PDB file of N, CA and C in Angstrom:
ATOM      1  N   MET A   1       0.847  -1.184   0.000  1.00  0.00           N
ATOM      2  CA  MET A   1       0.000   0.000   0.000  1.00  0.00           C
ATOM      3  C   MET A   1       0.888   1.241   0.000  1.00  0.00           C
ATOM      4  N   PRO A   2       0.673   2.164  -0.936  1.00  0.00           N
ATOM      5  CA  PRO A   2       1.516   3.356  -1.001  1.00  0.00           C
ATOM      6  C   PRO A   2       1.334   4.261   0.213  1.00  0.00           C
ATOM      7  N   VAL A   3       2.399   4.932   0.548  1.00  0.00           N
ATOM      8  CA  VAL A   3       2.376   5.886   1.658  1.00  0.00           C
ATOM      9  C   VAL A   3       2.012   7.245   1.089  1.00  0.00           C
ATOM     10  N   ASP A   4       1.093   7.919   1.747  1.00  0.00           N
ATOM     11  CA  ASP A   4       0.600   9.208   1.294  1.00  0.00           C
ATOM     12  C   ASP A   4       1.492  10.341   1.808  1.00  0.00           C
ATOM     13  N   MET A   5       1.923  11.224   0.909  1.00  0.00           N
ATOM     14  CA  MET A   5       2.794  12.336   1.279  1.00  0.00           C
ATOM     15  C   MET A   5       2.122  13.263   2.292  1.00  0.00           C
ATOM     16  N   VAL A   6       0.842  13.486   2.155  1.00  0.00           N
ATOM     17  CA  VAL A   6       0.113  14.362   3.075  1.00  0.00           C
ATOM     18  C   VAL A   6       0.102  13.764   4.487  1.00  0.00           C
ATOM     19  N   ALA A   7      -0.055  12.459   4.574  1.00  0.00           N
ATOM     20  CA  ALA A   7      -0.028  11.792   5.875  1.00  0.00           C
ATOM     21  C   ALA A   7       1.341  11.926   6.529  1.00  0.00           C
ATOM     22  N   LEU A   8       2.414  11.813   5.731  1.00  0.00           N
ATOM     23  CA  LEU A   8       3.766  12.006   6.269  1.00  0.00           C
ATOM     24  C   LEU A   8       3.925  13.420   6.811  1.00  0.00           C
ATOM     25  N   GLU A   9       3.493  14.386   6.021  1.00  0.00           N
ATOM     26  CA  GLU A   9       3.612  15.787   6.430  1.00  0.00           C
ATOM     27  C   GLU A   9       2.847  16.059   7.720  1.00  0.00           C
ATOM     28  N   LYS A  10       1.641  15.574   7.813  1.00  0.00           N
ATOM     29  CA  LYS A  10       0.823  15.785   9.017  1.00  0.00           C
ATOM     30  C   LYS A  10       1.467  15.152  10.239  1.00  0.00           C
ATOM     31  N   ALA A  11       1.972  13.940  10.105  1.00  0.00           N
ATOM     32  CA  ALA A  11       2.605  13.251  11.230  1.00  0.00           C
ATOM     33  C   ALA A  11       3.824  14.024  11.723  1.00  0.00           C
ATOM     34  N   ILE A  12       4.636  14.497  10.791  1.00  0.00           N
ATOM     35  CA  ILE A  12       5.838  15.240  11.160  1.00  0.00           C
ATOM     36  C   ILE A  12       5.476  16.554  11.833  1.00  0.00           C
ATOM     37  N   LYS A  13       4.520  17.269  11.265  1.00  0.00           N
ATOM     38  CA  LYS A  13       4.145  18.576  11.817  1.00  0.00           C
ATOM     39  C   LYS A  13       3.441  18.458  13.174  1.00  0.00           C
ATOM     40  N   ARG A  14       2.799  17.328  13.428  1.00  0.00           N
ATOM     41  CA  ARG A  14       2.191  17.115  14.757  1.00  0.00           C
ATOM     42  C   ARG A  14       3.254  16.875  15.812  1.00  0.00           C
ATOM     43  N   ALA A  15       4.353  16.247  15.419  1.00  0.00           N
ATOM     44  CA  ALA A  15       5.369  15.825  16.383  1.00  0.00           C
ATOM     45  C   ALA A  15       6.482  16.848  16.588  1.00  0.00           C
ATOM     46  N   PHE A  16       6.731  17.686  15.596  1.00  0.00           N
ATOM     47  CA  PHE A  16       7.858  18.614  15.656  1.00  0.00           C
ATOM     48  C   PHE A  16       7.415  20.032  15.349  1.00  0.00           C
ATOM     49  N   GLU A  17       8.099  20.979  15.973  1.00  0.00           N
ATOM     50  CA  GLU A  17       7.944  22.372  15.579  1.00  0.00           C
ATOM     51  C   GLU A  17       8.824  22.542  14.338  1.00  0.00           C
ATOM     52  N   VAL A  18       8.187  22.661  13.212  1.00  0.00           N
ATOM     53  CA  VAL A  18       8.886  22.634  11.930  1.00  0.00           C
ATOM     54  C   VAL A  18       9.234  24.048  11.469  1.00  0.00           C
ATOM     55  N   THR A  19      10.507  24.254  11.177  1.00  0.00           N
ATOM     56  CA  THR A  19      10.955  25.502  10.571  1.00  0.00           C
ATOM     57  C   THR A  19      10.911  25.377   9.054  1.00  0.00           C
ATOM     58  N   HIS A  20      11.312  24.217   8.555  1.00  0.00           N
ATOM     59  CA  HIS A  20      11.287  23.934   7.111  1.00  0.00           C
ATOM     60  C   HIS A  20      11.075  22.435   6.929  1.00  0.00           C
ATOM     61  N   LEU A  21      10.236  22.089   5.969  1.00  0.00           N
ATOM     62  CA  LEU A  21      10.001  20.681   5.655  1.00  0.00           C
ATOM     63  C   LEU A  21       9.855  20.549   4.147  1.00  0.00           C
ATOM     64  N   HIS A  22      10.626  19.652   3.588  1.00  0.00           N
ATOM     65  CA  HIS A  22      10.508  19.322   2.167  1.00  0.00           C
ATOM     66  C   HIS A  22      10.400  17.802   2.072  1.00  0.00           C
ATOM     67  N   ILE A  23       9.340  17.345   1.446  1.00  0.00           N
ATOM     68  CA  ILE A  23       9.132  15.912   1.239  1.00  0.00           C
ATOM     69  C   ILE A  23       9.102  15.668  -0.258  1.00  0.00           C
ATOM     70  N   GLU A  24       9.906  14.724  -0.706  1.00  0.00           N
ATOM     71  CA  GLU A  24       9.970  14.411  -2.140  1.00  0.00           C
ATOM     72  C   GLU A  24       9.674  12.935  -2.352  1.00  0.00           C
ATOM     73  N   ASP A  25       8.677  12.679  -3.175  1.00  0.00           N
ATOM     74  CA  ASP A  25       8.383  11.307  -3.582  1.00  0.00           C
ATOM     75  C   ASP A  25       9.341  10.974  -4.722  1.00  0.00           C
ATOM     76  N   GLN A  26      10.308  10.146  -4.469  1.00  0.00           N
ATOM     77  CA  GLN A  26      11.320   9.804  -5.461  1.00  0.00           C
ATOM     78  C   GLN A  26      10.960   8.542  -6.239  1.00  0.00           C
ATOM     79  N   SER A  27       9.708   8.124  -6.125  1.00  0.00           N
ATOM     80  CA  SER A  27       9.273   6.894  -6.802  1.00  0.00           C
ATOM     81  C   SER A  27       8.292   7.185  -7.932  1.00  0.00           C
ATOM     82  N   SER A  28       8.364   8.376  -8.476  1.00  0.00           N
ATOM     83  CA  SER A  28       7.484   8.761  -9.599  1.00  0.00           C
ATOM     84  C   SER A  28       6.008   8.665  -9.241  1.00  0.00           C
ATOM     85  N   GLY A  29       5.700   8.980  -7.990  1.00  0.00           N
ATOM     86  CA  GLY A  29       4.304   9.058  -7.575  1.00  0.00           C
ATOM     87  C   GLY A  29       3.693   7.812  -6.982  1.00  0.00           C
ATOM     88  N   CYS A  30       4.432   6.734  -6.876  1.00  0.00           N
ATOM     89  CA  CYS A  30       3.806   5.513  -6.341  1.00  0.00           C
ATOM     90  C   CYS A  30       3.886   5.429  -4.815  1.00  0.00           C
ATOM     91  N   GLY A  31       4.569   6.381  -4.154  1.00  0.00           N
ATOM     92  CA  GLY A  31       4.607   6.415  -2.696  1.00  0.00           C
ATOM     93  C   GLY A  31       5.450   5.342  -2.062  1.00  0.00           C
ATOM     94  N   ASP A  32       6.475   4.905  -2.774  1.00  0.00           N
ATOM     95  CA  ASP A  32       7.305   3.804  -2.306  1.00  0.00           C
ATOM     96  C   ASP A  32       8.707   4.230  -1.866  1.00  0.00           C
ATOM     97  N   ASN A  33       9.064   5.485  -2.174  1.00  0.00           N
ATOM     98  CA  ASN A  33      10.419   5.970  -1.903  1.00  0.00           C
ATOM     99  C   ASN A  33      10.353   7.470  -1.622  1.00  0.00           C
ATOM    100  N   TYR A  34      10.619   7.846  -0.387  1.00  0.00           N
ATOM    101  CA  TYR A  34      10.558   9.256  -0.005  1.00  0.00           C
ATOM    102  C   TYR A  34      11.899   9.736   0.532  1.00  0.00           C
ATOM    103  N   ALA A  35      12.153  11.016   0.296  1.00  0.00           N
ATOM    104  CA  ALA A  35      13.297  11.710   0.888  1.00  0.00           C
ATOM    105  C   ALA A  35      12.744  12.957   1.570  1.00  0.00           C
ATOM    106  N   ILE A  36      13.208  13.209   2.787  1.00  0.00           N
ATOM    107  CA  ILE A  36      12.745  14.406   3.483  1.00  0.00           C
ATOM    108  C   ILE A  36      13.932  15.250   3.937  1.00  0.00           C
ATOM    109  N   ILE A  37      13.663  16.537   4.017  1.00  0.00           N
ATOM    110  CA  ILE A  37      14.555  17.488   4.671  1.00  0.00           C
ATOM    111  C   ILE A  37      13.706  18.131   5.755  1.00  0.00           C
ATOM    112  N   LEU A  38      14.163  18.033   6.983  1.00  0.00           N
ATOM    113  CA  LEU A  38      13.414  18.573   8.113  1.00  0.00           C
ATOM    114  C   LEU A  38      14.317  19.464   8.944  1.00  0.00           C
ATOM    115  N   VAL A  39      13.853  20.686   9.180  1.00  0.00           N
ATOM    116  CA  VAL A  39      14.567  21.646  10.009  1.00  0.00           C
ATOM    117  C   VAL A  39      13.690  21.923  11.227  1.00  0.00           C
ATOM    118  N   SER A  40      14.261  21.716  12.421  1.00  0.00           N
ATOM    119  CA  SER A  40      13.482  21.895  13.643  1.00  0.00           C
ATOM    120  C   SER A  40      14.388  22.217  14.828  1.00  0.00           C
ATOM    121  N   GLU A  41      13.878  23.047  15.728  1.00  0.00           N
ATOM    122  CA  GLU A  41      14.565  23.341  16.983  1.00  0.00           C
ATOM    123  C   GLU A  41      14.728  22.074  17.829  1.00  0.00           C
ATOM    124  N   ALA A  42      13.877  21.091  17.593  1.00  0.00           N
ATOM    125  CA  ALA A  42      13.923  19.848  18.371  1.00  0.00           C
ATOM    126  C   ALA A  42      15.246  19.115  18.210  1.00  0.00           C
ATOM    127  N   PHE A  43      15.988  19.439  17.161  1.00  0.00           N
ATOM    128  CA  PHE A  43      17.255  18.763  16.894  1.00  0.00           C
ATOM    129  C   PHE A  43      18.450  19.426  17.564  1.00  0.00           C
ATOM    130  N   GLU A  44      18.211  20.544  18.200  1.00  0.00           N
ATOM    131  CA  GLU A  44      19.304  21.271  18.860  1.00  0.00           C
ATOM    132  C   GLU A  44      19.978  20.387  19.904  1.00  0.00           C
ATOM    133  N   GLY A  45      21.296  20.268  19.809  1.00  0.00           N
ATOM    134  CA  GLY A  45      22.062  19.498  20.779  1.00  0.00           C
ATOM    135  C   GLY A  45      22.019  17.990  20.587  1.00  0.00           C
ATOM    136  N   LYS A  46      21.377  17.533  19.506  1.00  0.00           N
ATOM    137  CA  LYS A  46      21.268  16.093  19.258  1.00  0.00           C
ATOM    138  C   LYS A  46      22.166  15.704  18.081  1.00  0.00           C
ATOM    139  N   SER A  47      22.728  14.515  18.155  1.00  0.00           N
ATOM    140  CA  SER A  47      23.549  14.007  17.058  1.00  0.00           C
ATOM    141  C   SER A  47      22.653  13.656  15.870  1.00  0.00           C
ATOM    142  N   THR A  48      23.273  13.488  14.726  1.00  0.00           N
ATOM    143  CA  THR A  48      22.524  13.082  13.532  1.00  0.00           C
ATOM    144  C   THR A  48      21.824  11.746  13.771  1.00  0.00           C
ATOM    145  N   LEU A  49      22.513  10.823  14.414  1.00  0.00           N
ATOM    146  CA  LEU A  49      21.919   9.517  14.710  1.00  0.00           C
ATOM    147  C   LEU A  49      20.681   9.666  15.596  1.00  0.00           C
ATOM    148  N   ALA A  50      20.764  10.485  16.625  1.00  0.00           N
ATOM    149  CA  ALA A  50      19.622  10.697  17.523  1.00  0.00           C
ATOM    150  C   ALA A  50      18.450  11.333  16.771  1.00  0.00           C
ATOM    151  N   ARG A  51      18.752  12.270  15.896  1.00  0.00           N
ATOM    152  CA  ARG A  51      17.699  12.924  15.104  1.00  0.00           C
ATOM    153  C   ARG A  51      16.997  11.902  14.202  1.00  0.00           C
ATOM    154  N   HIS A  52      17.799  11.080  13.542  1.00  0.00           N
ATOM    155  CA  HIS A  52      17.223  10.088  12.629  1.00  0.00           C
ATOM    156  C   HIS A  52      16.407   9.050  13.399  1.00  0.00           C
ATOM    157  N   ARG A  53      16.859   8.708  14.570  1.00  0.00           N
ATOM    158  CA  ARG A  53      16.076   7.768  15.388  1.00  0.00           C
ATOM    159  C   ARG A  53      14.725   8.370  15.775  1.00  0.00           C
ATOM    160  N   MET A  54      14.707   9.678  16.051  1.00  0.00           N
ATOM    161  CA  MET A  54      13.445  10.357  16.380  1.00  0.00           C
ATOM    162  C   MET A  54      12.464  10.249  15.210  1.00  0.00           C
ATOM    163  N   ILE A  55      12.952  10.517  14.013  1.00  0.00           N
ATOM    164  CA  ILE A  55      12.106  10.446  12.810  1.00  0.00           C
ATOM    165  C   ILE A  55      11.685   9.008  12.531  1.00  0.00           C
ATOM    166  N   ASN A  56      12.632   8.090  12.619  1.00  0.00           N
ATOM    167  CA  ASN A  56      12.320   6.675  12.361  1.00  0.00           C
ATOM    168  C   ASN A  56      11.271   6.147  13.326  1.00  0.00           C
ATOM    169  N   GLU A  57      11.355   6.534  14.578  1.00  0.00           N
ATOM    170  CA  GLU A  57      10.358   6.096  15.566  1.00  0.00           C
ATOM    171  C   GLU A  57       8.986   6.687  15.244  1.00  0.00           C
ATOM    172  N   LEU A  58       8.967   7.956  14.909  1.00  0.00           N
ATOM    173  CA  LEU A  58       7.713   8.630  14.586  1.00  0.00           C
ATOM    174  C   LEU A  58       7.037   8.000  13.367  1.00  0.00           C
ATOM    175  N   LEU A  59       7.823   7.703  12.346  1.00  0.00           N
ATOM    176  CA  LEU A  59       7.272   7.230  11.072  1.00  0.00           C
ATOM    177  C   LEU A  59       7.454   5.732  10.848  1.00  0.00           C
ATOM    178  N   LYS A  60       7.657   4.982  11.917  1.00  0.00           N
ATOM    179  CA  LYS A  60       7.988   3.559  11.760  1.00  0.00           C
ATOM    180  C   LYS A  60       6.938   2.779  10.969  1.00  0.00           C
ATOM    181  N   ASP A  61       5.665   3.062  11.158  1.00  0.00           N
ATOM    182  CA  ASP A  61       4.624   2.336  10.420  1.00  0.00           C
ATOM    183  C   ASP A  61       4.669   2.666   8.930  1.00  0.00           C
ATOM    184  N   GLN A  62       4.864   3.954   8.615  1.00  0.00           N
ATOM    185  CA  GLN A  62       4.940   4.368   7.216  1.00  0.00           C
ATOM    186  C   GLN A  62       6.216   3.848   6.552  1.00  0.00           C
ATOM    187  N   ILE A  63       7.346   3.951   7.260  1.00  0.00           N
ATOM    188  CA  ILE A  63       8.621   3.503   6.698  1.00  0.00           C
ATOM    189  C   ILE A  63       8.581   2.000   6.399  1.00  0.00           C
ATOM    190  N   ALA A  64       7.887   1.243   7.226  1.00  0.00           N
ATOM    191  CA  ALA A  64       7.779  -0.209   7.017  1.00  0.00           C
ATOM    192  C   ALA A  64       7.086  -0.541   5.695  1.00  0.00           C
ATOM    193  N   GLN A  65       6.297   0.388   5.177  1.00  0.00           N
ATOM    194  CA  GLN A  65       5.574   0.165   3.924  1.00  0.00           C
ATOM    195  C   GLN A  65       6.349   0.663   2.698  1.00  0.00           C
ATOM    196  N   MET A  66       7.490   1.312   2.926  1.00  0.00           N
ATOM    197  CA  MET A  66       8.269   1.906   1.833  1.00  0.00           C
ATOM    198  C   MET A  66       9.394   0.990   1.387  1.00  0.00           C
ATOM    199  N   HIS A  67       9.811   1.211   0.162  1.00  0.00           N
ATOM    200  CA  HIS A  67      11.001   0.536  -0.357  1.00  0.00           C
ATOM    201  C   HIS A  67      12.253   1.263   0.129  1.00  0.00           C
ATOM    202  N   ALA A  68      12.190   2.606   0.181  1.00  0.00           N
ATOM    203  CA  ALA A  68      13.347   3.400   0.611  1.00  0.00           C
ATOM    204  C   ALA A  68      12.873   4.698   1.271  1.00  0.00           C
ATOM    205  N   PHE A  69      13.660   5.152   2.240  1.00  0.00           N
ATOM    206  CA  PHE A  69      13.370   6.395   2.943  1.00  0.00           C
ATOM    207  C   PHE A  69      14.696   7.034   3.325  1.00  0.00           C
ATOM    208  N   SER A  70      14.880   8.282   2.949  1.00  0.00           N
ATOM    209  CA  SER A  70      16.095   8.988   3.351  1.00  0.00           C
ATOM    210  C   SER A  70      15.701  10.301   4.013  1.00  0.00           C
ATOM    211  N   GLN A  71      16.577  10.756   4.886  1.00  0.00           N
ATOM    212  CA  GLN A  71      16.270  11.975   5.620  1.00  0.00           C
ATOM    213  C   GLN A  71      17.520  12.796   5.862  1.00  0.00           C
ATOM    214  N   LYS A  72      17.314  14.092   5.859  1.00  0.00           N
ATOM    215  CA  LYS A  72      18.339  15.044   6.263  1.00  0.00           C
ATOM    216  C   LYS A  72      17.688  15.923   7.316  1.00  0.00           C
ATOM    217  N   THR A  73      18.367  16.061   8.445  1.00  0.00           N
ATOM    218  CA  THR A  73      17.809  16.809   9.561  1.00  0.00           C
ATOM    219  C   THR A  73      18.777  17.902   9.981  1.00  0.00           C
ATOM    220  N   TYR A  74      18.237  19.085  10.216  1.00  0.00           N
ATOM    221  CA  TYR A  74      19.057  20.234  10.566  1.00  0.00           C
ATOM    222  C   TYR A  74      18.398  21.055  11.665  1.00  0.00           C
ATOM    223  N   THR A  75      19.233  21.754  12.418  1.00  0.00           N
ATOM    224  CA  THR A  75      18.724  22.795  13.305  1.00  0.00           C
ATOM    225  C   THR A  75      18.512  24.035  12.434  1.00  0.00           C
ATOM    226  N   PRO A  76      17.730  24.994  12.896  1.00  0.00           N
ATOM    227  CA  PRO A  76      17.560  26.220  12.110  1.00  0.00           C
ATOM    228  C   PRO A  76      18.892  26.922  11.803  1.00  0.00           C
ATOM    229  N   LYS A  77      19.809  26.928  12.746  1.00  0.00           N
ATOM    230  CA  LYS A  77      21.106  27.561  12.519  1.00  0.00           C
ATOM    231  C   LYS A  77      21.883  26.827  11.423  1.00  0.00           C
ATOM    232  N   GLN A  78      21.895  25.499  11.483  1.00  0.00           N
ATOM    233  CA  GLN A  78      22.583  24.709  10.460  1.00  0.00           C
ATOM    234  C   GLN A  78      21.965  24.960   9.081  1.00  0.00           C
ATOM    235  N   TRP A  79      20.656  25.046   9.032  1.00  0.00           N
ATOM    236  CA  TRP A  79      19.944  25.272   7.775  1.00  0.00           C
ATOM    237  C   TRP A  79      20.309  26.642   7.198  1.00  0.00           C
ATOM    238  N   GLU A  80      20.323  27.665   8.045  1.00  0.00           N
ATOM    239  CA  GLU A  80      20.698  29.005   7.598  1.00  0.00           C
ATOM    240  C   GLU A  80      22.110  29.008   7.028  1.00  0.00           C
ATOM    241  N   GLU A  81      23.027  28.348   7.709  1.00  0.00           N
ATOM    242  CA  GLU A  81      24.417  28.279   7.230  1.00  0.00           C
ATOM    243  C   GLU A  81      24.505  27.546   5.893  1.00  0.00           C
ATOM    244  N   LEU A  82      23.747  26.475   5.757  1.00  0.00           N
ATOM    245  CA  LEU A  82      23.729  25.711   4.507  1.00  0.00           C
ATOM    246  C   LEU A  82      23.165  26.559   3.363  1.00  0.00           C
ATOM    247  N   GLN A  83      22.110  27.294   3.628  1.00  0.00           N
ATOM    248  CA  GLN A  83      21.493  28.132   2.591  1.00  0.00           C
ATOM    249  C   GLN A  83      22.409  29.292   2.203  1.00  0.00           C
ATOM    250  N   ALA A  84      23.157  29.803   3.170  1.00  0.00           N
ATOM    251  CA  ALA A  84      24.082  30.917   2.906  1.00  0.00           C
ATOM    252  C   ALA A  84      25.223  30.486   1.977  1.00  0.00           C
ATOM    253  N   LYS A  85      25.574  29.215   2.025  1.00  0.00           N
ATOM    254  CA  LYS A  85      26.660  28.692   1.177  1.00  0.00           C
ATOM    255  C   LYS A  85      26.221  28.532  -0.275  1.00  0.00           C
ATOM    256  N   LYS A  86      24.927  28.467  -0.504  1.00  0.00           N
ATOM    257  CA  LYS A  86      24.419  28.223  -1.873  1.00  0.00           C
ATOM    258  C   LYS A  86      24.430  29.499  -2.688  1.00  0.00           C
TER     259      LYS A  86
END
C-alpha cells in the first residue's frame, strides 16, 4: 500500500515544531520511496543519529511500507548556514 505524502507531512508537523520541511516522492508518484529534509529546533544538541532515530520512531509504520526512505535533519542555525553557502 503506497504511503501518502500528506499523511507524512501531518505526522511530522504534529510531532515537531517545523521551521522547514521538504518531502519528495522519489518513486514517480507511487509512494514507495521518499526523501525528506526537516529543520526543527527539536534537533538542537542532538547528534545526527539521535535525530534520525526520532524520525524513524515517529514514522515507523509508514517507513515499514516503503522501499526506501532517506532523511536530512538540521537545526535552524545549520539550515541558515547551509542556505548561505548556496
